[in-house]
Amino acid sequence: MNNKFKLKKGDEVIILAGKDKGKTGKIVKMIPKQMKAIVSEINRVKKNQKPDNNQPGGIIDKEMPMHISNLSFYDPELKKGIRIGYKFDNNKKIRFNKSSGKDI
């Protein structure tokens, strides 16, 4: 199954559900097969890590993946999450804000 998302790596998103609801962050990594994304400074957990050749052991803070349905594109002008649509302009696919119609 080929999953396609309107959110991309580097997009500013707002969290819709979970312990970090209402916070914003940038997408660091997309995981399409699991339909998840890793957002910077969001959904952090403490993890016990064994020592390795390159890094010491101990308790580390790690960002865990969040499901795509709990994320929404953040519009800094409106200060809220918005829906994204696609349109074609001169054979180029452009993302736009569905509520205001502005290009992203």
PDB file of N, CA and C in Angstrom:
ATOM      1  N   MET A   1       0.837  -1.180   0.000  1.00  0.00           N
ATOM      2  CA  MET A   1       0.000   0.000   0.000  1.00  0.00           C
ATOM      3  C   MET A   1       0.883   1.245   0.000  1.00  0.00           C
ATOM      4  N   ASN A   2       0.580   2.166  -0.892  1.00  0.00           N
ATOM      5  CA  ASN A   2       1.375   3.379  -1.024  1.00  0.00           C
ATOM      6  C   ASN A   2       0.663   4.527  -0.319  1.00  0.00           C
ATOM      7  N   ASN A   3       1.202   4.948   0.837  1.00  0.00           N
ATOM      8  CA  ASN A   3       0.591   6.027   1.601  1.00  0.00           C
ATOM      9  C   ASN A   3       1.155   7.367   1.150  1.00  0.00           C
ATOM     10  N   LYS A   4       0.268   8.332   0.894  1.00  0.00           N
ATOM     11  CA  LYS A   4       0.686   9.681   0.527  1.00  0.00           C
ATOM     12  C   LYS A   4       0.066  10.654   1.512  1.00  0.00           C
ATOM     13  N   PHE A   5       0.864  11.616   1.953  1.00  0.00           N
ATOM     14  CA  PHE A   5       0.415  12.556   2.960  1.00  0.00           C
ATOM     15  C   PHE A   5       0.582  13.980   2.466  1.00  0.00           C
ATOM     16  N   LYS A   6      -0.238  14.864   3.006  1.00  0.00           N
ATOM     17  CA  LYS A   6      -0.139  16.274   2.656  1.00  0.00           C
ATOM     18  C   LYS A   6       0.885  16.990   3.524  1.00  0.00           C
ATOM     19  N   LEU A   7       1.307  16.360   4.615  1.00  0.00           N
ATOM     20  CA  LEU A   7       2.364  16.905   5.452  1.00  0.00           C
ATOM     21  C   LEU A   7       3.715  16.403   4.954  1.00  0.00           C
ATOM     22  N   LYS A   8       4.745  17.242   5.082  1.00  0.00           N
ATOM     23  CA  LYS A   8       6.088  16.874   4.633  1.00  0.00           C
ATOM     24  C   LYS A   8       7.086  17.116   5.760  1.00  0.00           C
ATOM     25  N   LYS A   9       8.275  16.596   5.575  1.00  0.00           N
ATOM     26  CA  LYS A   9       9.372  16.837   6.499  1.00  0.00           C
ATOM     27  C   LYS A   9       9.689  18.334   6.475  1.00  0.00           C
ATOM     28  N   GLY A  10       9.831  18.924   7.660  1.00  0.00           N
ATOM     29  CA  GLY A  10      10.134  20.349   7.755  1.00  0.00           C
ATOM     30  C   GLY A  10       8.912  21.231   7.970  1.00  0.00           C
ATOM     31  N   ASP A  11       7.708  20.682   7.852  1.00  0.00           N
ATOM     32  CA  ASP A  11       6.481  21.461   8.066  1.00  0.00           C
ATOM     33  C   ASP A  11       6.283  21.757   9.543  1.00  0.00           C
ATOM     34  N   GLU A  12       5.751  22.936   9.839  1.00  0.00           N
ATOM     35  CA  GLU A  12       5.375  23.304  11.199  1.00  0.00           C
ATOM     36  C   GLU A  12       3.977  22.748  11.451  1.00  0.00           C
ATOM     37  N   VAL A  13       3.819  21.930  12.500  1.00  0.00           N
ATOM     38  CA  VAL A  13       2.536  21.290  12.788  1.00  0.00           C
ATOM     39  C   VAL A  13       2.099  21.596  14.213  1.00  0.00           C
ATOM     40  N   ILE A  14       0.791  21.462  14.451  1.00  0.00           N
ATOM     41  CA  ILE A  14       0.230  21.597  15.797  1.00  0.00           C
ATOM     42  C   ILE A  14      -0.335  20.233  16.179  1.00  0.00           C
ATOM     43  N   ILE A  15      -0.214  19.867  17.453  1.00  0.00           N
ATOM     44  CA  ILE A  15      -0.658  18.571  17.936  1.00  0.00           C
ATOM     45  C   ILE A  15      -2.137  18.670  18.315  1.00  0.00           C
ATOM     46  N   LEU A  16      -2.952  17.748  17.784  1.00  0.00           N
ATOM     47  CA  LEU A  16      -4.396  17.772  18.006  1.00  0.00           C
ATOM     48  C   LEU A  16      -4.836  16.902  19.178  1.00  0.00           C
ATOM     49  N   ALA A  17      -4.062  15.875  19.518  1.00  0.00           N
ATOM     50  CA  ALA A  17      -4.467  14.955  20.574  1.00  0.00           C
ATOM     51  C   ALA A  17      -3.241  14.401  21.290  1.00  0.00           C
ATOM     52  N   GLY A  18      -3.438  13.967  22.528  1.00  0.00           N
ATOM     53  CA  GLY A  18      -2.350  13.356  23.292  1.00  0.00           C
ATOM     54  C   GLY A  18      -1.856  14.272  24.392  1.00  0.00           C
ATOM     55  N   LYS A  19      -0.767  13.865  25.041  1.00  0.00           N
ATOM     56  CA  LYS A  19      -0.260  14.609  26.191  1.00  0.00           C
ATOM     57  C   LYS A  19       0.318  15.970  25.816  1.00  0.00           C
ATOM     58  N   ASP A  20       0.692  16.159  24.538  1.00  0.00           N
ATOM     59  CA  ASP A  20       1.263  17.429  24.081  1.00  0.00           C
ATOM     60  C   ASP A  20       0.275  18.248  23.256  1.00  0.00           C
ATOM     61  N   LYS A  21      -1.019  18.050  23.477  1.00  0.00           N
ATOM     62  CA  LYS A  21      -2.059  18.731  22.704  1.00  0.00           C
ATOM     63  C   LYS A  21      -1.890  20.250  22.764  1.00  0.00           C
ATOM     64  N   GLY A  22      -1.926  20.902  21.586  1.00  0.00           N
ATOM     65  CA  GLY A  22      -1.812  22.355  21.510  1.00  0.00           C
ATOM     66  C   GLY A  22      -0.404  22.854  21.268  1.00  0.00           C
ATOM     67  N   LYS A  23       0.608  22.001  21.428  1.00  0.00           N
ATOM     68  CA  LYS A  23       1.993  22.412  21.196  1.00  0.00           C
ATOM     69  C   LYS A  23       2.317  22.359  19.713  1.00  0.00           C
ATOM     70  N   THR A  24       3.332  23.116  19.309  1.00  0.00           N
ATOM     71  CA  THR A  24       3.750  23.121  17.904  1.00  0.00           C
ATOM     72  C   THR A  24       5.199  22.680  17.790  1.00  0.00           C
ATOM     73  N   GLY A  25       5.553  22.154  16.614  1.00  0.00           N
ATOM     74  CA  GLY A  25       6.917  21.723  16.339  1.00  0.00           C
ATOM     75  C   GLY A  25       7.078  21.406  14.869  1.00  0.00           C
ATOM     76  N   LYS A  26       8.321  21.160  14.462  1.00  0.00           N
ATOM     77  CA  LYS A  26       8.611  20.825  13.070  1.00  0.00           C
ATOM     78  C   LYS A  26       8.736  19.319  12.910  1.00  0.00           C
ATOM     79  N   ILE A  27       8.295  18.821  11.759  1.00  0.00           N
ATOM     80  CA  ILE A  27       8.427  17.396  11.463  1.00  0.00           C
ATOM     81  C   ILE A  27       9.888  17.109  11.123  1.00  0.00           C
ATOM     82  N   VAL A  28      10.476  16.173  11.860  1.00  0.00           N
ATOM     83  CA  VAL A  28      11.870  15.790  11.657  1.00  0.00           C
ATOM     84  C   VAL A  28      11.966  14.619  10.690  1.00  0.00           C
ATOM     85  N   LYS A  29      11.025  13.671  10.811  1.00  0.00           N
ATOM     86  CA  LYS A  29      11.083  12.462   9.992  1.00  0.00           C
ATOM     87  C   LYS A  29       9.680  11.931   9.769  1.00  0.00           C
ATOM     88  N   MET A  30       9.407  11.469   8.550  1.00  0.00           N
ATOM     89  CA  MET A  30       8.134  10.830   8.224  1.00  0.00           C
ATOM     90  C   MET A  30       8.361   9.325   8.134  1.00  0.00           C
ATOM     91  N   ILE A  31       7.400   8.531   8.635  1.00  0.00           N
ATOM     92  CA  ILE A  31       7.463   7.076   8.556  1.00  0.00           C
ATOM     93  C   ILE A  31       6.184   6.624   7.851  1.00  0.00           C
ATOM     94  N   PRO A  32       6.179   6.585   6.497  1.00  0.00           N
ATOM     95  CA  PRO A  32       4.949   6.319   5.751  1.00  0.00           C
ATOM     96  C   PRO A  32       4.353   4.935   5.978  1.00  0.00           C
ATOM     97  N   LYS A  33       5.164   3.910   6.161  1.00  0.00           N
ATOM     98  CA  LYS A  33       4.640   2.555   6.325  1.00  0.00           C
ATOM     99  C   LYS A  33       3.817   2.412   7.595  1.00  0.00           C
ATOM    100  N   GLN A  34       4.184   3.146   8.639  1.00  0.00           N
ATOM    101  CA  GLN A  34       3.449   3.098   9.905  1.00  0.00           C
ATOM    102  C   GLN A  34       2.448   4.240  10.030  1.00  0.00           C
ATOM    103  N   MET A  35       2.405   5.145   9.044  1.00  0.00           N
ATOM    104  CA  MET A  35       1.552   6.338   9.055  1.00  0.00           C
ATOM    105  C   MET A  35       1.863   7.211  10.274  1.00  0.00           C
ATOM    106  N   LYS A  36       3.156   7.405  10.551  1.00  0.00           N
ATOM    107  CA  LYS A  36       3.581   8.184  11.705  1.00  0.00           C
ATOM    108  C   LYS A  36       4.622   9.209  11.308  1.00  0.00           C
ATOM    109  N   ALA A  37       4.846  10.172  12.199  1.00  0.00           N
ATOM    110  CA  ALA A  37       5.862  11.202  12.003  1.00  0.00           C
ATOM    111  C   ALA A  37       6.519  11.511  13.335  1.00  0.00           C
ATOM    112  N   ILE A  38       7.789  11.912  13.285  1.00  0.00           N
ATOM    113  CA  ILE A  38       8.507  12.335  14.482  1.00  0.00           C
ATOM    114  C   ILE A  38       8.579  13.863  14.446  1.00  0.00           C
ATOM    115  N   VAL A  39       8.096  14.498  15.517  1.00  0.00           N
ATOM    116  CA  VAL A  39       8.055  15.952  15.611  1.00  0.00           C
ATOM    117  C   VAL A  39       9.057  16.400  16.662  1.00  0.00           C
ATOM    118  N   SER A  40       9.837  17.448  16.356  1.00  0.00           N
ATOM    119  CA  SER A  40      10.876  17.899  17.276  1.00  0.00           C
ATOM    120  C   SER A  40      10.277  18.425  18.579  1.00  0.00           C
ATOM    121  N   GLU A  41      10.880  18.014  19.698  1.00  0.00           N
ATOM    122  CA  GLU A  41      10.512  18.419  21.054  1.00  0.00           C
ATOM    123  C   GLU A  41       9.083  18.032  21.450  1.00  0.00           C
ATOM    124  N   ILE A  42       8.477  17.061  20.745  1.00  0.00           N
ATOM    125  CA  ILE A  42       7.109  16.615  21.051  1.00  0.00           C
ATOM    126  C   ILE A  42       7.134  15.107  21.287  1.00  0.00           C
ATOM    127  N   ASN A  43       6.273  14.638  22.206  1.00  0.00           N
ATOM    128  CA  ASN A  43       6.141  13.215  22.530  1.00  0.00           C
ATOM    129  C   ASN A  43       7.475  12.616  22.990  1.00  0.00           C
ATOM    130  N   ARG A  44       8.129  13.323  23.913  1.00  0.00           N
ATOM    131  CA  ARG A  44       9.417  12.864  24.440  1.00  0.00           C
ATOM    132  C   ARG A  44       9.192  11.856  25.559  1.00  0.00           C
ATOM    133  N   VAL A  45      10.025  10.805  25.558  1.00  0.00           N
ATOM    134  CA  VAL A  45       9.973   9.788  26.601  1.00  0.00           C
ATOM    135  C   VAL A  45      11.386   9.538  27.112  1.00  0.00           C
ATOM    136  N   LYS A  46      11.468   9.000  28.318  1.00  0.00           N
ATOM    137  CA  LYS A  46      12.766   8.602  28.864  1.00  0.00           C
ATOM    138  C   LYS A  46      12.995   7.148  28.492  1.00  0.00           C
ATOM    139  N   LYS A  47      14.206   6.832  28.027  1.00  0.00           N
ATOM    140  CA  LYS A  47      14.510   5.481  27.572  1.00  0.00           C
ATOM    141  C   LYS A  47      15.824   5.039  28.188  1.00  0.00           C
ATOM    142  N   ASN A  48      15.846   3.814  28.702  1.00  0.00           N
ATOM    143  CA  ASN A  48      17.087   3.253  29.221  1.00  0.00           C
ATOM    144  C   ASN A  48      17.881   2.695  28.045  1.00  0.00           C
ATOM    145  N   GLN A  49      19.118   3.158  27.908  1.00  0.00           N
ATOM    146  CA  GLN A  49      19.940   2.741  26.779  1.00  0.00           C
ATOM    147  C   GLN A  49      21.196   2.032  27.270  1.00  0.00           C
ATOM    148  N   LYS A  50      21.483   0.893  26.654  1.00  0.00           N
ATOM    149  CA  LYS A  50      22.705   0.158  26.995  1.00  0.00           C
ATOM    150  C   LYS A  50      23.903   0.855  26.368  1.00  0.00           C
ATOM    151  N   PRO A  51      25.067   0.734  27.003  1.00  0.00           N
ATOM    152  CA  PRO A  51      26.252   1.338  26.397  1.00  0.00           C
ATOM    153  C   PRO A  51      26.629   0.633  25.098  1.00  0.00           C
ATOM    154  N   ASP A  52      27.117   1.417  24.169  1.00  0.00           N
ATOM    155  CA  ASP A  52      27.501   0.921  22.852  1.00  0.00           C
ATOM    156  C   ASP A  52      28.940   1.363  22.616  1.00  0.00           C
ATOM    157  N   ASN A  53      29.510   0.959  21.484  1.00  0.00           N
ATOM    158  CA  ASN A  53      30.872   1.382  21.164  1.00  0.00           C
ATOM    159  C   ASN A  53      30.975   2.896  21.022  1.00  0.00           C
ATOM    160  N   ASN A  54      29.942   3.516  20.484  1.00  0.00           N
ATOM    161  CA  ASN A  54      29.987   4.952  20.188  1.00  0.00           C
ATOM    162  C   ASN A  54      29.389   5.828  21.284  1.00  0.00           C
ATOM    163  N   GLN A  55      28.435   5.292  22.072  1.00  0.00           N
ATOM    164  CA  GLN A  55      27.745   6.134  23.036  1.00  0.00           C
ATOM    165  C   GLN A  55      27.640   5.456  24.400  1.00  0.00           C
ATOM    166  N   PRO A  56      27.629   6.261  25.468  1.00  0.00           N
ATOM    167  CA  PRO A  56      27.515   5.683  26.806  1.00  0.00           C
ATOM    168  C   PRO A  56      26.081   5.270  27.103  1.00  0.00           C
ATOM    169  N   GLY A  57      25.917   4.428  28.112  1.00  0.00           N
ATOM    170  CA  GLY A  57      24.589   4.001  28.529  1.00  0.00           C
ATOM    171  C   GLY A  57      23.974   5.017  29.469  1.00  0.00           C
ATOM    172  N   GLY A  58      22.747   4.778  29.864  1.00  0.00           N
ATOM    173  CA  GLY A  58      22.065   5.667  30.795  1.00  0.00           C
ATOM    174  C   GLY A  58      20.653   5.957  30.331  1.00  0.00           C
ATOM    175  N   ILE A  59      20.025   6.907  31.011  1.00  0.00           N
ATOM    176  CA  ILE A  59      18.662   7.301  30.667  1.00  0.00           C
ATOM    177  C   ILE A  59      18.728   8.485  29.715  1.00  0.00           C
ATOM    178  N   ILE A  60      18.099   8.334  28.542  1.00  0.00           N
ATOM    179  CA  ILE A  60      18.112   9.408  27.547  1.00  0.00           C
ATOM    180  C   ILE A  60      16.674   9.849  27.258  1.00  0.00           C
ATOM    181  N   ASP A  61      16.525  11.094  26.788  1.00  0.00           N
ATOM    182  CA  ASP A  61      15.234  11.594  26.304  1.00  0.00           C
ATOM    183  C   ASP A  61      15.178  11.347  24.816  1.00  0.00           C
ATOM    184  N   LYS A  62      14.072  10.781  24.364  1.00  0.00           N
ATOM    185  CA  LYS A  62      13.936  10.421  22.956  1.00  0.00           C
ATOM    186  C   LYS A  62      12.566  10.846  22.459  1.00  0.00           C
ATOM    187  N   GLU A  63      12.501  11.334  21.206  1.00  0.00           N
ATOM    188  CA  GLU A  63      11.226  11.691  20.592  1.00  0.00           C
ATOM    189  C   GLU A  63      10.648  10.463  19.917  1.00  0.00           C
ATOM    190  N   MET A  64       9.410  10.131  20.260  1.00  0.00           N
ATOM    191  CA  MET A  64       8.756   8.962  19.697  1.00  0.00           C
ATOM    192  C   MET A  64       7.808   9.387  18.574  1.00  0.00           C
ATOM    193  N   PRO A  65       7.527   8.467  17.635  1.00  0.00           N
ATOM    194  CA  PRO A  65       6.633   8.811  16.525  1.00  0.00           C
ATOM    195  C   PRO A  65       5.193   9.031  16.989  1.00  0.00           C
ATOM    196  N   MET A  66       4.504   9.943  16.284  1.00  0.00           N
ATOM    197  CA  MET A  66       3.080  10.205  16.520  1.00  0.00           C
ATOM    198  C   MET A  66       2.313   9.872  15.258  1.00  0.00           C
ATOM    199  N   HIS A  67       1.065   9.423  15.413  1.00  0.00           N
ATOM    200  CA  HIS A  67       0.243   9.111  14.255  1.00  0.00           C
ATOM    201  C   HIS A  67      -0.108  10.407  13.510  1.00  0.00           C
ATOM    202  N   ILE A  68      -0.155  10.307  12.171  1.00  0.00           N
ATOM    203  CA  ILE A  68      -0.408  11.471  11.318  1.00  0.00           C
ATOM    204  C   ILE A  68      -1.765  12.117  11.633  1.00  0.00           C
ATOM    205  N   SER A  69      -2.744  11.329  12.051  1.00  0.00           N
ATOM    206  CA  SER A  69      -4.077  11.873  12.313  1.00  0.00           C
ATOM    207  C   SER A  69      -4.089  12.831  13.497  1.00  0.00           C
ATOM    208  N   ASN A  70      -3.057  12.791  14.340  1.00  0.00           N
ATOM    209  CA  ASN A  70      -2.973  13.680  15.495  1.00  0.00           C
ATOM    210  C   ASN A  70      -2.220  14.969  15.189  1.00  0.00           C
ATOM    211  N   LEU A  71      -1.851  15.186  13.925  1.00  0.00           N
ATOM    212  CA  LEU A  71      -1.100  16.367  13.518  1.00  0.00           C
ATOM    213  C   LEU A  71      -1.911  17.186  12.526  1.00  0.00           C
ATOM    214  N   SER A  72      -1.722  18.502  12.561  1.00  0.00           N
ATOM    215  CA  SER A  72      -2.353  19.394  11.597  1.00  0.00           C
ATOM    216  C   SER A  72      -1.356  20.485  11.235  1.00  0.00           C
ATOM    217  N   PHE A  73      -1.355  20.908   9.983  1.00  0.00           N
ATOM    218  CA  PHE A  73      -0.456  21.972   9.522  1.00  0.00           C
ATOM    219  C   PHE A  73      -0.773  23.242  10.305  1.00  0.00           C
ATOM    220  N   TYR A  74       0.271  23.926  10.811  1.00  0.00           N
ATOM    221  CA  TYR A  74       0.091  25.113  11.648  1.00  0.00           C
ATOM    222  C   TYR A  74       0.283  26.373  10.819  1.00  0.00           C
ATOM    223  N   ASP A  75      -0.707  27.266  10.868  1.00  0.00           N
ATOM    224  CA  ASP A  75      -0.624  28.551  10.176  1.00  0.00           C
ATOM    225  C   ASP A  75      -0.297  29.635  11.201  1.00  0.00           C
ATOM    226  N   PRO A  76       0.915  30.239  11.124  1.00  0.00           N
ATOM    227  CA  PRO A  76       1.301  31.232  12.133  1.00  0.00           C
ATOM    228  C   PRO A  76       0.448  32.500  12.093  1.00  0.00           C
ATOM    229  N   GLU A  77      -0.133  32.844  10.929  1.00  0.00           N
ATOM    230  CA  GLU A  77      -0.976  34.042  10.844  1.00  0.00           C
ATOM    231  C   GLU A  77      -2.289  33.838  11.603  1.00  0.00           C
ATOM    232  N   LEU A  78      -2.917  32.672  11.407  1.00  0.00           N
ATOM    233  CA  LEU A  78      -4.183  32.377  12.087  1.00  0.00           C
ATOM    234  C   LEU A  78      -3.969  31.817  13.490  1.00  0.00           C
ATOM    235  N   LYS A  79      -2.751  31.357  13.769  1.00  0.00           N
ATOM    236  CA  LYS A  79      -2.384  30.732  15.052  1.00  0.00           C
ATOM    237  C   LYS A  79      -3.253  29.520  15.361  1.00  0.00           C
ATOM    238  N   LYS A  80      -3.515  28.689  14.343  1.00  0.00           N
ATOM    239  CA  LYS A  80      -4.255  27.450  14.542  1.00  0.00           C
ATOM    240  C   LYS A  80      -3.948  26.477  13.414  1.00  0.00           C
ATOM    241  N   GLY A  81      -4.427  25.247  13.566  1.00  0.00           N
ATOM    242  CA  GLY A  81      -4.221  24.223  12.549  1.00  0.00           C
ATOM    243  C   GLY A  81      -5.152  24.445  11.368  1.00  0.00           C
ATOM    244  N   ILE A  82      -4.655  24.145  10.161  1.00  0.00           N
ATOM    245  CA  ILE A  82      -5.466  24.324   8.956  1.00  0.00           C
ATOM    246  C   ILE A  82      -5.447  23.047   8.135  1.00  0.00           C
ATOM    247  N   ARG A  83      -6.370  22.967   7.189  1.00  0.00           N
ATOM    248  CA  ARG A  83      -6.391  21.850   6.252  1.00  0.00           C
ATOM    249  C   ARG A  83      -5.679  22.268   4.972  1.00  0.00           C
ATOM    250  N   ILE A  84      -5.021  21.294   4.356  1.00  0.00           N
ATOM    251  CA  ILE A  84      -4.231  21.552   3.155  1.00  0.00           C
ATOM    252  C   ILE A  84      -4.899  20.888   1.964  1.00  0.00           C
ATOM    253  N   GLY A  85      -4.876  21.585   0.829  1.00  0.00           N
ATOM    254  CA  GLY A  85      -5.373  21.026  -0.425  1.00  0.00           C
ATOM    255  C   GLY A  85      -4.295  21.144  -1.487  1.00  0.00           C
ATOM    256  N   TYR A  86      -4.538  20.514  -2.625  1.00  0.00           N
ATOM    257  CA  TYR A  86      -3.609  20.584  -3.748  1.00  0.00           C
ATOM    258  C   TYR A  86      -4.300  21.236  -4.926  1.00  0.00           C
ATOM    259  N   LYS A  87      -3.527  21.994  -5.709  1.00  0.00           N
ATOM    260  CA  LYS A  87      -4.007  22.480  -6.998  1.00  0.00           C
ATOM    261  C   LYS A  87      -2.830  22.480  -7.957  1.00  0.00           C
ATOM    262  N   PHE A  88      -3.142  22.461  -9.237  1.00  0.00           N
ATOM    263  CA  PHE A  88      -2.113  22.431 -10.261  1.00  0.00           C
ATOM    264  C   PHE A  88      -2.038  23.782 -10.945  1.00  0.00           C
ATOM    265  N   ASP A  89      -0.816  24.328 -11.058  1.00  0.00           N
ATOM    266  CA  ASP A  89      -0.589  25.599 -11.720  1.00  0.00           C
ATOM    267  C   ASP A  89       0.576  25.413 -12.685  1.00  0.00           C
ATOM    268  N   ASN A  90       0.316  25.492 -13.971  1.00  0.00           N
ATOM    269  CA  ASN A  90       1.343  25.266 -15.006  1.00  0.00           C
ATOM    270  C   ASN A  90       2.048  23.929 -14.807  1.00  0.00           C
ATOM    271  N   ASN A  91       1.255  22.872 -14.634  1.00  0.00           N
ATOM    272  CA  ASN A  91       1.755  21.506 -14.438  1.00  0.00           C
ATOM    273  C   ASN A  91       2.620  21.355 -13.202  1.00  0.00           C
ATOM    274  N   LYS A  92       2.467  22.239 -12.218  1.00  0.00           N
ATOM    275  CA  LYS A  92       3.152  22.108 -10.935  1.00  0.00           C
ATOM    276  C   LYS A  92       2.115  21.903  -9.855  1.00  0.00           C
ATOM    277  N   LYS A  93       2.381  20.960  -8.972  1.00  0.00           N
ATOM    278  CA  LYS A  93       1.471  20.662  -7.867  1.00  0.00           C
ATOM    279  C   LYS A  93       1.795  21.600  -6.710  1.00  0.00           C
ATOM    280  N   ILE A  94       0.803  22.377  -6.279  1.00  0.00           N
ATOM    281  CA  ILE A  94       1.008  23.388  -5.245  1.00  0.00           C
ATOM    282  C   ILE A  94       0.064  23.109  -4.076  1.00  0.00           C
ATOM    283  N   ARG A  95       0.599  23.182  -2.849  1.00  0.00           N
ATOM    284  CA  ARG A  95      -0.244  23.037  -1.665  1.00  0.00           C
ATOM    285  C   ARG A  95      -0.832  24.401  -1.313  1.00  0.00           C
ATOM    286  N   PHE A  96      -2.095  24.408  -0.859  1.00  0.00           N
ATOM    287  CA  PHE A  96      -2.712  25.665  -0.467  1.00  0.00           C
ATOM    288  C   PHE A  96      -3.578  25.481   0.775  1.00  0.00           C
ATOM    289  N   ASN A  97      -3.806  26.594   1.465  1.00  0.00           N
ATOM    290  CA  ASN A  97      -4.637  26.629   2.657  1.00  0.00           C
ATOM    291  C   ASN A  97      -6.096  26.585   2.208  1.00  0.00           C
ATOM    292  N   LYS A  98      -6.842  25.581   2.658  1.00  0.00           N
ATOM    293  CA  LYS A  98      -8.228  25.412   2.202  1.00  0.00           C
ATOM    294  C   LYS A  98      -9.155  26.516   2.715  1.00  0.00           C
ATOM    295  N   SER A  99      -8.875  27.091   3.882  1.00  0.00           N
ATOM    296  CA  SER A  99      -9.767  28.105   4.431  1.00  0.00           C
ATOM    297  C   SER A  99      -9.556  29.478   3.791  1.00  0.00           C
ATOM    298  N   SER A 100      -8.302  29.875   3.550  1.00  0.00           N
ATOM    299  CA  SER A 100      -8.048  31.196   2.982  1.00  0.00           C
ATOM    300  C   SER A 100      -7.707  31.156   1.490  1.00  0.00           C
ATOM    301  N   GLY A 101      -7.273  29.992   0.986  1.00  0.00           N
ATOM    302  CA  GLY A 101      -6.933  29.887  -0.426  1.00  0.00           C
ATOM    303  C   GLY A 101      -5.507  30.304  -0.753  1.00  0.00           C
ATOM    304  N   LYS A 102      -4.713  30.687   0.250  1.00  0.00           N
ATOM    305  CA  LYS A 102      -3.331  31.114   0.002  1.00  0.00           C
ATOM    306  C   LYS A 102      -2.426  29.913  -0.222  1.00  0.00           C
ATOM    307  N   ASP A 103      -1.392  30.116  -1.053  1.00  0.00           N
ATOM    308  CA  ASP A 103      -0.411  29.051  -1.308  1.00  0.00           C
ATOM    309  C   ASP A 103       0.512  28.893  -0.108  1.00  0.00           C
ATOM    310  N   ILE A 104       0.985  27.655   0.061  1.00  0.00           N
ATOM    311  CA  ILE A 104       1.914  27.361   1.161  1.00  0.00           C
ATOM    312  C   ILE A 104       3.317  27.241   0.595  1.00  0.00           C
TER     313      ILE A 104
END
